[in-house]
């Protein structure tokens, strides 16, 4: 049996959101193939980025609650907190 992750309880919802994002990306690809107006394409790209940000924030929240706060070993909790903050830093540097 695999290790339980912070997002395990909401895995179906997470996968549903990611499939929706995948469909949005395919839609953008179609827009480019159809030579759609640049601003319309950029608007859709922004929507995909916002959707991915929402997924990422949900994962961060679940990680903080399950993997960081749920950790009883202080040294391990500190290590997981550092991991969490590094992940937040990577997300914030995007763009």
N, C-alpha and C. Protein backbone atom coordinates (compact mmCIF):
# COMPACT_ATOMS: atom_id res chain seq x y z
N UNK A 1 0.84 -1.19 0.00
CA UNK A 1 0.00 0.00 0.00
C UNK A 1 0.88 1.25 0.00
N UNK A 2 0.48 2.25 -0.77
CA UNK A 2 1.30 3.46 -0.87
C UNK A 2 1.02 4.39 0.31
N UNK A 3 1.94 5.30 0.52
CA UNK A 3 1.84 6.27 1.61
C UNK A 3 0.68 7.23 1.35
N UNK A 4 -0.04 7.60 2.40
CA UNK A 4 -1.13 8.56 2.28
C UNK A 4 -0.56 9.96 2.13
N UNK A 5 -1.06 10.68 1.17
CA UNK A 5 -0.63 12.07 0.93
C UNK A 5 -1.69 13.02 1.45
N UNK A 6 -1.32 14.27 1.62
CA UNK A 6 -2.26 15.26 2.11
C UNK A 6 -3.46 15.45 1.21
N UNK A 7 -3.31 15.21 -0.07
CA UNK A 7 -4.40 15.41 -1.02
C UNK A 7 -5.22 14.15 -1.29
N UNK A 8 -4.89 13.04 -0.64
CA UNK A 8 -5.55 11.77 -0.91
C UNK A 8 -7.07 11.88 -0.80
N UNK A 9 -7.56 12.56 0.21
CA UNK A 9 -9.01 12.66 0.42
C UNK A 9 -9.70 13.43 -0.70
N UNK A 10 -9.00 14.35 -1.35
CA UNK A 10 -9.61 15.16 -2.41
C UNK A 10 -9.02 14.82 -3.78
N UNK A 11 -8.45 13.65 -3.91
CA UNK A 11 -7.77 13.26 -5.15
C UNK A 11 -8.69 13.32 -6.36
N UNK A 12 -9.93 12.84 -6.23
CA UNK A 12 -10.86 12.87 -7.36
C UNK A 12 -11.14 14.30 -7.81
N UNK A 13 -11.34 15.20 -6.86
CA UNK A 13 -11.58 16.60 -7.18
C UNK A 13 -10.34 17.22 -7.83
N UNK A 14 -9.18 16.89 -7.33
CA UNK A 14 -7.93 17.40 -7.88
C UNK A 14 -7.76 16.94 -9.33
N UNK A 15 -8.02 15.66 -9.58
CA UNK A 15 -7.90 15.14 -10.94
C UNK A 15 -8.92 15.79 -11.87
N UNK A 16 -10.11 16.03 -11.38
CA UNK A 16 -11.14 16.70 -12.18
C UNK A 16 -10.68 18.10 -12.58
N UNK A 17 -10.12 18.83 -11.63
CA UNK A 17 -9.61 20.18 -11.94
C UNK A 17 -8.48 20.13 -12.96
N UNK A 18 -7.57 19.16 -12.79
CA UNK A 18 -6.44 19.05 -13.72
C UNK A 18 -6.91 18.67 -15.12
N UNK A 19 -7.93 17.84 -15.21
CA UNK A 19 -8.47 17.49 -16.54
C UNK A 19 -9.13 18.70 -17.18
N UNK A 20 -9.76 19.54 -16.37
CA UNK A 20 -10.35 20.77 -16.89
C UNK A 20 -9.26 21.69 -17.43
N UNK A 21 -8.17 21.80 -16.70
CA UNK A 21 -7.03 22.62 -17.15
C UNK A 21 -6.48 22.05 -18.45
N UNK A 22 -6.36 20.73 -18.51
CA UNK A 22 -5.87 20.09 -19.73
C UNK A 22 -6.76 20.45 -20.93
N UNK A 23 -8.07 20.45 -20.72
CA UNK A 23 -8.99 20.85 -21.78
C UNK A 23 -8.81 22.30 -22.18
N UNK A 24 -8.57 23.16 -21.19
CA UNK A 24 -8.33 24.57 -21.48
C UNK A 24 -7.08 24.74 -22.33
N UNK A 25 -6.03 23.99 -22.01
CA UNK A 25 -4.78 24.08 -22.78
C UNK A 25 -5.01 23.61 -24.22
N UNK A 26 -5.77 22.54 -24.37
CA UNK A 26 -6.09 22.08 -25.73
C UNK A 26 -6.88 23.15 -26.48
N UNK A 27 -7.76 23.85 -25.76
CA UNK A 27 -8.51 24.94 -26.38
C UNK A 27 -7.60 26.06 -26.85
N UNK A 28 -6.60 26.38 -26.06
CA UNK A 28 -5.62 27.41 -26.45
C UNK A 28 -4.87 26.95 -27.69
N UNK A 29 -4.49 25.69 -27.71
CA UNK A 29 -3.80 25.16 -28.89
C UNK A 29 -4.67 25.34 -30.14
N UNK A 30 -5.96 25.07 -30.00
CA UNK A 30 -6.88 25.27 -31.12
C UNK A 30 -6.99 26.72 -31.53
N UNK A 31 -6.96 27.60 -30.55
CA UNK A 31 -7.02 29.03 -30.85
C UNK A 31 -5.81 29.45 -31.67
N UNK A 32 -4.63 28.95 -31.30
CA UNK A 32 -3.42 29.30 -32.04
C UNK A 32 -3.50 28.71 -33.46
N UNK A 33 -3.94 27.47 -33.55
CA UNK A 33 -4.08 26.85 -34.88
C UNK A 33 -5.03 27.65 -35.77
N UNK A 34 -6.07 28.24 -35.15
CA UNK A 34 -7.07 29.01 -35.90
C UNK A 34 -6.70 30.48 -36.06
N UNK A 35 -5.47 30.84 -35.66
CA UNK A 35 -4.99 32.22 -35.78
C UNK A 35 -5.91 33.22 -35.08
N UNK A 36 -6.35 32.88 -33.87
CA UNK A 36 -7.21 33.78 -33.11
C UNK A 36 -6.44 34.99 -32.63
N UNK A 37 -7.16 36.02 -32.28
CA UNK A 37 -6.61 37.30 -31.82
C UNK A 37 -5.72 37.08 -30.59
N UNK A 38 -4.54 37.70 -30.61
CA UNK A 38 -3.52 37.51 -29.56
C UNK A 38 -4.08 37.71 -28.16
N UNK A 39 -4.82 38.78 -27.96
CA UNK A 39 -5.34 39.09 -26.63
C UNK A 39 -6.30 38.01 -26.15
N UNK A 40 -7.07 37.44 -27.05
CA UNK A 40 -7.97 36.35 -26.68
C UNK A 40 -7.18 35.13 -26.22
N UNK A 41 -6.09 34.82 -26.90
CA UNK A 41 -5.23 33.70 -26.52
C UNK A 41 -4.59 33.98 -25.16
N UNK A 42 -4.08 35.19 -24.98
CA UNK A 42 -3.46 35.56 -23.71
C UNK A 42 -4.46 35.50 -22.55
N UNK A 43 -5.69 35.90 -22.82
CA UNK A 43 -6.74 35.82 -21.79
C UNK A 43 -6.95 34.38 -21.35
N UNK A 44 -6.97 33.46 -22.30
CA UNK A 44 -7.16 32.05 -21.97
C UNK A 44 -5.94 31.49 -21.24
N UNK A 45 -4.75 31.93 -21.62
CA UNK A 45 -3.54 31.51 -20.91
C UNK A 45 -3.61 31.97 -19.46
N UNK A 46 -4.05 33.20 -19.24
CA UNK A 46 -4.20 33.72 -17.89
C UNK A 46 -5.19 32.88 -17.09
N UNK A 47 -6.27 32.45 -17.72
CA UNK A 47 -7.26 31.61 -17.04
C UNK A 47 -6.66 30.27 -16.64
N UNK A 48 -5.83 29.69 -17.51
CA UNK A 48 -5.18 28.42 -17.18
C UNK A 48 -4.21 28.61 -16.02
N UNK A 49 -3.45 29.69 -16.05
CA UNK A 49 -2.51 29.96 -14.95
C UNK A 49 -3.26 30.13 -13.63
N UNK A 50 -4.39 30.82 -13.66
CA UNK A 50 -5.17 31.01 -12.45
C UNK A 50 -5.71 29.67 -11.94
N UNK A 51 -6.14 28.81 -12.86
CA UNK A 51 -6.65 27.50 -12.46
C UNK A 51 -5.54 26.65 -11.85
N UNK A 52 -4.36 26.69 -12.44
CA UNK A 52 -3.23 25.94 -11.88
C UNK A 52 -2.80 26.51 -10.53
N UNK A 53 -2.87 27.84 -10.39
CA UNK A 53 -2.56 28.45 -9.10
C UNK A 53 -3.52 27.97 -8.02
N UNK A 54 -4.79 27.84 -8.38
CA UNK A 54 -5.79 27.36 -7.43
C UNK A 54 -5.49 25.93 -7.01
N UNK A 55 -5.10 25.09 -7.97
CA UNK A 55 -4.72 23.72 -7.65
C UNK A 55 -3.50 23.72 -6.73
N UNK A 56 -2.51 24.53 -7.07
CA UNK A 56 -1.28 24.59 -6.27
C UNK A 56 -1.56 25.07 -4.85
N UNK A 57 -2.39 26.08 -4.70
CA UNK A 57 -2.71 26.58 -3.36
C UNK A 57 -3.44 25.53 -2.54
N UNK A 58 -4.31 24.78 -3.19
CA UNK A 58 -5.00 23.69 -2.50
C UNK A 58 -4.02 22.63 -2.03
N UNK A 59 -3.07 22.29 -2.89
CA UNK A 59 -2.06 21.31 -2.51
C UNK A 59 -1.19 21.83 -1.37
N UNK A 60 -0.81 23.09 -1.42
CA UNK A 60 -0.02 23.68 -0.35
C UNK A 60 -0.79 23.64 0.97
N UNK A 61 -2.06 23.98 0.92
CA UNK A 61 -2.89 23.96 2.12
C UNK A 61 -2.97 22.55 2.71
N UNK A 62 -3.21 21.58 1.84
CA UNK A 62 -3.31 20.20 2.30
C UNK A 62 -1.97 19.69 2.82
N UNK A 63 -0.89 20.09 2.17
CA UNK A 63 0.43 19.68 2.63
C UNK A 63 0.72 20.28 4.01
N UNK A 64 0.39 21.55 4.18
CA UNK A 64 0.63 22.19 5.47
C UNK A 64 -0.16 21.50 6.58
N UNK A 65 -1.42 21.19 6.32
CA UNK A 65 -2.27 20.57 7.34
C UNK A 65 -1.87 19.12 7.62
N UNK A 66 -1.59 18.37 6.59
CA UNK A 66 -1.35 16.94 6.75
C UNK A 66 0.11 16.60 7.02
N UNK A 67 0.99 17.13 6.20
CA UNK A 67 2.40 16.71 6.25
C UNK A 67 3.25 17.54 7.20
N UNK A 68 2.88 18.80 7.42
CA UNK A 68 3.67 19.65 8.31
C UNK A 68 3.07 19.63 9.72
N UNK A 69 1.82 20.06 9.84
CA UNK A 69 1.19 20.13 11.17
C UNK A 69 0.91 18.75 11.75
N UNK A 70 0.73 17.77 10.88
CA UNK A 70 0.47 16.42 11.35
C UNK A 70 1.72 15.67 11.78
N UNK A 71 2.87 16.25 11.52
CA UNK A 71 4.15 15.61 11.88
C UNK A 71 4.41 15.81 13.36
N UNK A 72 4.68 14.72 14.08
CA UNK A 72 4.91 14.82 15.52
C UNK A 72 6.38 15.03 15.88
N UNK A 73 7.28 14.60 15.01
CA UNK A 73 8.71 14.78 15.25
C UNK A 73 9.11 16.21 14.90
N UNK A 74 9.65 16.95 15.87
CA UNK A 74 9.98 18.37 15.68
C UNK A 74 10.99 18.60 14.55
N UNK A 75 12.01 17.77 14.47
CA UNK A 75 13.03 17.92 13.42
C UNK A 75 12.41 17.68 12.05
N UNK A 76 11.57 16.66 11.96
CA UNK A 76 10.90 16.37 10.69
C UNK A 76 9.92 17.49 10.33
N UNK A 77 9.23 18.04 11.32
CA UNK A 77 8.30 19.15 11.07
C UNK A 77 9.06 20.35 10.54
N UNK A 78 10.21 20.64 11.11
CA UNK A 78 11.03 21.77 10.64
C UNK A 78 11.49 21.54 9.20
N UNK A 79 11.89 20.31 8.90
CA UNK A 79 12.32 19.99 7.53
C UNK A 79 11.16 20.14 6.55
N UNK A 80 9.99 19.68 6.94
CA UNK A 80 8.82 19.79 6.05
C UNK A 80 8.36 21.24 5.91
N UNK A 81 8.54 22.03 6.95
CA UNK A 81 8.22 23.46 6.85
C UNK A 81 9.16 24.12 5.85
N UNK A 82 10.44 23.78 5.91
CA UNK A 82 11.40 24.32 4.94
C UNK A 82 11.03 23.91 3.52
N UNK A 83 10.62 22.65 3.33
CA UNK A 83 10.17 22.18 2.01
C UNK A 83 8.98 23.00 1.53
N UNK A 84 8.03 23.22 2.43
CA UNK A 84 6.82 23.97 2.10
C UNK A 84 7.19 25.38 1.65
N UNK A 85 8.04 26.03 2.41
CA UNK A 85 8.42 27.40 2.07
C UNK A 85 9.20 27.47 0.76
N UNK A 86 10.01 26.46 0.48
CA UNK A 86 10.72 26.41 -0.80
C UNK A 86 9.73 26.26 -1.95
N UNK A 87 8.71 25.44 -1.74
CA UNK A 87 7.68 25.27 -2.78
C UNK A 87 6.93 26.57 -3.02
N UNK A 88 6.59 27.27 -1.94
CA UNK A 88 5.92 28.58 -2.07
C UNK A 88 6.83 29.54 -2.84
N UNK A 89 8.10 29.53 -2.50
CA UNK A 89 9.05 30.40 -3.20
C UNK A 89 9.11 30.11 -4.70
N UNK A 90 9.11 28.83 -5.07
CA UNK A 90 9.13 28.47 -6.49
C UNK A 90 7.87 28.95 -7.19
N UNK A 91 6.73 28.81 -6.55
CA UNK A 91 5.48 29.26 -7.15
C UNK A 91 5.45 30.76 -7.32
N UNK A 92 6.00 31.50 -6.38
CA UNK A 92 5.98 32.95 -6.44
C UNK A 92 6.95 33.51 -7.48
N UNK A 93 8.00 32.79 -7.78
CA UNK A 93 9.00 33.26 -8.76
C UNK A 93 8.53 33.07 -10.20
N UNK A 94 7.46 32.34 -10.39
CA UNK A 94 6.96 32.08 -11.74
C UNK A 94 6.70 33.38 -12.46
N UNK A 95 7.06 33.42 -13.74
CA UNK A 95 6.79 34.60 -14.55
C UNK A 95 7.83 35.60 -14.33
